[in-house]
Protein backbone atom coordinates (compact mmCIF):
# COMPACT_ATOMS: atom_id res chain seq x y z
CA MET A 1 46.03 9.47 -84.34
CA VAL A 2 42.14 8.80 -83.81
CA GLU A 3 42.86 5.63 -81.88
CA GLU A 4 46.03 7.03 -80.04
CA HIS A 5 43.95 9.91 -78.51
CA LYS A 6 41.04 7.89 -77.82
CA HIS A 7 43.41 5.39 -75.91
CA GLU A 8 44.98 8.54 -73.88
CA GLU A 9 41.21 9.49 -73.08
CA SER A 10 40.41 6.26 -71.73
CA ILE A 11 43.54 5.96 -69.48
CA MET A 12 42.80 9.75 -68.46
CA GLU A 13 38.76 8.24 -66.91
CA LYS A 14 40.26 5.62 -65.35
CA ILE A 15 42.91 7.85 -63.41
CA ALA A 16 40.13 10.04 -62.54
CA GLU A 17 37.73 7.67 -61.33
CA LYS A 18 40.36 6.07 -59.47
CA ILE A 19 40.53 9.65 -58.02
CA HIS A 20 37.23 10.22 -56.77
CA GLY A 21 36.85 6.73 -55.91
CA HIS A 22 39.74 7.20 -53.64
CA ASP A 23 38.02 10.49 -52.14
CA GLY A 24 34.57 8.92 -51.70
CA SER A 25 36.12 6.07 -49.92
CA SER A 26 38.20 8.48 -47.40
CA SER A 27 34.97 10.54 -47.10
CA SER A 28 33.13 8.04 -46.06
CA SER A 29 35.80 6.64 -43.65
CA SER A 30 35.83 10.08 -42.33
CA ASP A 31 31.79 10.36 -41.85
CA SER A 32 31.99 6.92 -39.83
CA ASP A 33 35.04 8.30 -38.15
CA ASP A 34 32.88 11.38 -36.75
CA GLU A 35 29.71 8.93 -36.03
CA LYS A 36 32.20 6.66 -33.84
CA LYS A 37 33.16 10.00 -32.07
CA SER A 38 29.88 11.34 -32.06
CA ALA A 39 28.24 8.04 -30.42
CA SER A 40 31.45 7.16 -28.21
CA PRO A 41 30.06 10.02 -25.34
CA SER A 42 26.97 8.50 -25.21
CA SER A 43 28.12 4.58 -25.39
CA MET A 44 30.88 5.88 -22.83
CA LYS A 45 28.15 7.88 -20.62
CA LYS A 46 28.54 6.93 -17.12
CA LYS A 47 24.63 5.15 -15.37
CA ILE A 48 23.43 7.38 -12.92
CA TYR A 49 23.09 5.76 -9.33
CA ARG A 50 19.34 6.04 -8.09
CA LEU A 51 18.68 4.74 -4.14
CA PHE A 52 17.32 0.95 -4.02
CA GLY A 53 18.35 1.02 -7.86
CA ARG A 54 15.22 2.77 -8.63
CA GLU A 55 14.82 3.19 -12.50
CA LYS A 56 11.60 4.91 -12.98
CA PRO A 57 10.62 8.79 -11.55
CA VAL A 58 9.34 9.42 -8.13
CA HIS A 59 6.18 9.89 -9.53
CA LYS A 60 5.79 6.53 -11.12
CA VAL A 61 7.07 4.82 -7.92
CA PHE A 62 4.15 5.78 -6.02
CA GLY A 63 1.68 4.56 -8.75
CA GLY A 64 1.70 7.55 -10.94
CA GLY A 65 -1.88 8.89 -10.28
CA LYS A 66 -4.07 10.60 -7.88
CA PRO A 67 -2.51 9.19 -4.67
CA ALA A 68 0.94 9.97 -6.33
CA ASP A 69 -0.07 13.75 -6.95
CA ILE A 70 -1.13 14.03 -3.39
CA PHE A 71 2.06 12.94 -1.47
CA LEU A 72 4.60 14.69 -4.08
CA TRP A 73 1.87 17.91 -3.45
CA ARG A 74 0.50 18.24 -7.11
CA ASN A 75 -2.66 19.63 -5.53
CA LYS A 76 -1.66 21.59 -3.04
CA LYS A 77 -4.91 21.95 -1.46
CA VAL A 78 -5.69 18.19 -1.18
CA SER A 79 -2.08 17.38 0.10
CA GLY A 80 -2.27 20.45 2.74
CA GLY A 81 -5.89 19.42 3.84
CA VAL A 82 -4.77 15.73 4.29
CA LEU A 83 -1.80 16.53 6.21
CA GLY A 84 -3.99 19.08 8.57
CA VAL A 85 -6.85 16.21 9.27
CA ALA A 86 -4.22 13.90 10.42
CA THR A 87 -2.44 16.44 12.05
CA ILE A 88 -5.77 17.72 14.15
CA SER A 89 -6.75 13.86 14.28
CA TRP A 90 -3.76 13.25 16.20
CA VAL A 91 -3.91 16.48 18.53
CA LEU A 92 -7.39 15.48 19.48
CA PHE A 93 -6.56 11.83 20.08
CA GLU A 94 -3.25 11.94 21.57
CA LEU A 95 -2.68 15.39 22.89
CA LEU A 96 -6.50 16.07 24.57
CA GLU A 97 -7.15 12.33 25.00
CA TYR A 98 -10.50 12.33 22.75
CA ASN A 99 -12.06 8.92 22.09
CA LEU A 100 -12.87 8.77 18.74
CA LEU A 101 -16.56 7.24 18.84
CA THR A 102 -16.81 10.27 20.75
CA LEU A 103 -15.68 12.39 18.58
CA PHE A 104 -17.60 10.76 15.73
CA GLY A 105 -20.77 10.87 17.90
CA HIS A 106 -20.34 14.87 18.53
CA ILE A 107 -19.72 16.23 15.07
CA THR A 108 -22.45 13.94 13.96
CA ILE A 109 -24.95 15.32 16.32
CA LEU A 110 -23.73 19.05 15.89
CA ALA A 111 -23.68 18.87 12.18
CA LEU A 112 -27.36 17.21 11.75
CA ALA A 113 -28.70 19.76 14.22
CA CYS A 114 -27.53 22.55 12.16
CA LEU A 115 -28.98 21.29 9.11
CA PHE A 116 -32.03 20.22 10.65
CA LEU A 117 -32.73 23.81 12.44
CA TRP A 118 -31.56 25.34 9.51
CA SER A 119 -33.81 23.57 6.83
CA SER A 120 -36.72 23.57 9.26
CA ALA A 121 -36.33 28.03 9.60
CA ILE A 122 -36.02 27.98 6.03
CA THR A 123 -39.94 27.84 5.33
CA PHE A 124 -41.13 30.28 8.04
CA ILE A 125 -38.27 33.10 6.52
CA HIS A 126 -39.00 32.16 2.58
CA LYS A 127 -35.56 31.25 1.48
CA THR A 128 -34.01 28.62 -0.72
CA PRO A 129 -33.29 25.34 1.10
CA PRO A 130 -29.38 24.73 2.16
CA HIS A 131 -27.47 22.70 -0.65
CA ILE A 132 -26.28 19.53 0.96
CA PRO A 133 -23.65 18.24 -1.52
CA GLU A 134 -23.50 14.77 -2.21
CA ILE A 135 -20.10 13.13 -0.88
CA HIS A 136 -18.84 9.67 -1.92
CA ILE A 137 -15.49 8.15 -2.22
CA PRO A 138 -14.15 7.53 -6.02
CA GLU A 139 -13.49 3.80 -6.78
CA GLU A 140 -10.53 4.77 -8.57
CA VAL A 141 -8.34 6.08 -5.63
CA VAL A 142 -9.47 3.27 -3.59
CA LEU A 143 -8.53 0.79 -6.32
CA GLN A 144 -5.36 2.40 -6.25
CA LEU A 145 -4.28 2.31 -3.23
CA ALA A 146 -5.52 -1.14 -2.56
CA SER A 147 -3.72 -1.94 -5.54
CA GLY A 148 -0.34 -0.49 -4.54
CA LEU A 149 -0.80 -1.61 -0.81
CA ARG A 150 -1.27 -5.32 -2.08
CA ILE A 151 2.03 -5.13 -4.28
CA GLU A 152 4.16 -3.68 -0.98
CA ILE A 153 2.45 -6.69 1.32
CA ASN A 154 3.17 -9.25 -1.48
CA ARG A 155 6.51 -7.74 -1.68
CA GLY A 156 7.22 -7.67 2.05
CA PHE A 157 6.22 -11.29 2.43
CA THR A 158 7.81 -12.44 -0.32
CA THR A 159 11.20 -10.89 1.27
CA LEU A 160 10.46 -12.44 4.82
CA ARG A 161 9.79 -15.83 3.07
CA ASP A 162 13.61 -15.59 1.33
CA ILE A 163 14.94 -14.59 4.84
CA ALA A 164 13.60 -17.64 6.79
CA SER A 165 15.16 -19.79 4.07
CA GLY A 166 18.57 -18.70 4.93
CA ARG A 167 19.56 -17.54 1.31
CA ASP A 168 20.60 -14.01 2.05
CA LEU A 169 22.60 -13.13 5.19
CA LYS A 170 23.15 -9.81 4.48
CA LYS A 171 19.58 -9.33 3.96
CA PHE A 172 18.66 -11.28 6.96
CA LEU A 173 20.65 -8.51 9.16
CA LEU A 174 19.61 -5.67 7.79
CA VAL A 175 16.05 -6.75 8.73
CA ILE A 176 16.72 -7.38 12.26
CA ALA A 177 18.47 -4.16 12.93
CA GLY A 178 15.36 -2.39 11.00
CA LEU A 179 12.89 -4.24 13.60
CA TRP A 180 14.96 -4.03 16.23
CA LEU A 181 14.99 0.06 15.56
CA LEU A 182 10.68 -0.09 15.25
CA SER A 183 10.78 -1.94 18.62
CA ILE A 184 12.52 0.84 20.16
CA VAL A 185 10.07 3.66 18.39
CA GLY A 186 7.29 1.91 19.36
CA SER A 187 8.42 1.69 22.69
CA SER A 188 8.91 5.37 23.06
CA CYS A 189 5.43 5.89 21.31
CA ASN A 190 2.46 4.65 20.67
CA PHE A 191 0.55 3.61 17.72
CA LEU A 192 -1.34 6.48 16.82
CA THR A 193 1.76 8.77 17.06
CA LEU A 194 3.90 6.29 14.81
CA ILE A 195 1.10 6.48 12.23
CA TYR A 196 1.40 10.47 12.45
CA ILE A 197 4.94 10.41 12.06
CA ALA A 198 4.86 7.90 9.00
CA THR A 199 2.49 10.09 7.98
CA ILE A 200 4.80 13.12 8.28
CA LEU A 201 7.44 11.31 6.50
CA LEU A 202 5.24 10.29 3.75
CA PHE A 203 4.39 13.81 3.00
CA THR A 204 7.80 15.61 3.24
CA VAL A 205 10.37 13.06 2.47
CA PRO A 206 9.69 11.94 -1.47
CA VAL A 207 8.78 15.46 -2.35
CA LEU A 208 11.79 16.81 -1.13
CA TYR A 209 13.80 13.89 -2.57
CA GLU A 210 12.31 14.76 -5.93
CA LYS A 211 13.44 18.10 -5.22
CA TYR A 212 17.06 17.43 -4.91
CA GLU A 213 17.23 14.27 -6.19
CA ASP A 214 20.97 14.31 -7.65
CA LYS A 215 22.21 15.20 -4.39
CA VAL A 216 20.72 12.70 -2.44
CA ASP A 217 21.75 9.89 -4.85
CA ASP A 218 25.06 11.29 -5.18
CA PHE A 219 25.50 11.41 -1.12
CA GLY A 220 23.80 7.70 -1.23
CA GLU A 221 26.28 6.29 -3.88
CA LYS A 222 29.43 7.06 -1.45
CA ALA A 223 27.05 6.01 1.82
CA MET A 224 26.27 2.58 -0.10
CA LYS A 225 30.45 2.11 -0.90
CA GLU A 226 31.27 2.85 2.66
CA ILE A 227 28.50 0.40 3.99
CA LYS A 228 29.91 -2.59 1.52
CA LYS A 229 33.34 -1.60 2.43
CA GLN A 230 32.61 -2.15 6.06
CA TYR A 231 30.18 -5.19 5.53
CA ALA A 232 33.12 -6.96 3.58
CA VAL A 233 35.35 -5.98 6.64
CA PHE A 234 32.58 -7.61 9.13
CA ASP A 235 32.28 -10.41 6.89
CA GLU A 236 35.95 -11.31 6.85
CA LYS A 237 36.72 -10.95 10.16
CA VAL A 238 33.57 -12.09 11.98
CA LEU A 239 30.84 -13.67 9.67
CA SER A 240 33.44 -16.18 7.90
CA LYS A 241 34.55 -17.36 10.91
CA VAL A 242 31.32 -17.91 12.61
CA MET A 243 29.94 -19.70 9.95
CA SER A 244 32.76 -21.87 9.60
CA LYS A 245 32.43 -22.87 12.89
CA ILE A 246 28.64 -24.26 12.42
CA PRO A 247 28.69 -27.87 11.95
CA ARG A 248 27.08 -28.79 8.34
CA GLY A 249 27.32 -32.60 8.47
CA ALA A 250 23.40 -32.63 9.70
CA PHE A 251 22.48 -30.89 7.32
CA ASN A 252 24.24 -32.54 4.17
CA LYS A 253 22.94 -36.19 5.93
CA LYS A 254 18.91 -34.90 5.53
CA LYS A 255 20.07 -33.60 1.99
CA ASP A 256 21.07 -37.21 1.01
C-alpha cells in the first residue's frame, strides 16, 4: 500500500510539472509575441525625408559653433549687429556710392580725433582718462570659418571634377542651370549687391527652415518626386535619343 501511494504521488508530480512547464512556455511565447508587437512599430517606422539627404541637425550642418549660433540667431544681439553692419555697408557703398577707402579714412580720423581731444582735455579737468577697449579677433571663430569654407570649396571642386569627367548627366544639367541663373542675377545687379542678398538669405532661410523643418521637408519630398518623374520623362523622350545618336566608336578605339 505504501509503494502504491508513493507511485501515485510520483505520477501526480510529473503531471503537475508538465502543466507548469506548458504554462511557462506559453507565457514565454506570449512575452516574445508582445515584444515583437512592441518592436514592430519602431522597426516599421518610416524614415523621415530630409532635404539634400541631411542627417544632422541644422545647427550641426553649419559647424555647431559660434558661426552657427550667429546664422541661426542663437545670440540675437550678435546676429542683429552683423546683419545691421551688412545693411549699413550696402547702403553706404551701393546707394550713397561711398568709397571703401574714403569711408575707412573718415571713420578713423573722426575716432582718433575724438579720443585724442578727450584724453587731452582730461588733464585739465582732472578726471579719469577714457577707457579704450582692446579689440581682437578670436582665433577660434576665424579657424571655424576657414575650416567650413575650406570644406565647402573642396566639395565644390570635387563636384566640378565629377561633372567634367562626364559621370553624371543629371548633375551636369543642374549645375549648368544654376550657373545660367547666376549669370542672369549677376547681369541685373553688381557683386556687392549679390553679396548682400546672399547675406540676407544666410540670416533668414536657415532659421526659418529650422522653425518649419517638418513642413518644408514634406513639401520638398513631394517636389523631388515630381521632379524625378518629369526628369524620367525627359530622359526617355529626349536624352536617350540624343545619347543614342552620339558616335562612340572613337572612344572605344582610344580605350583599346
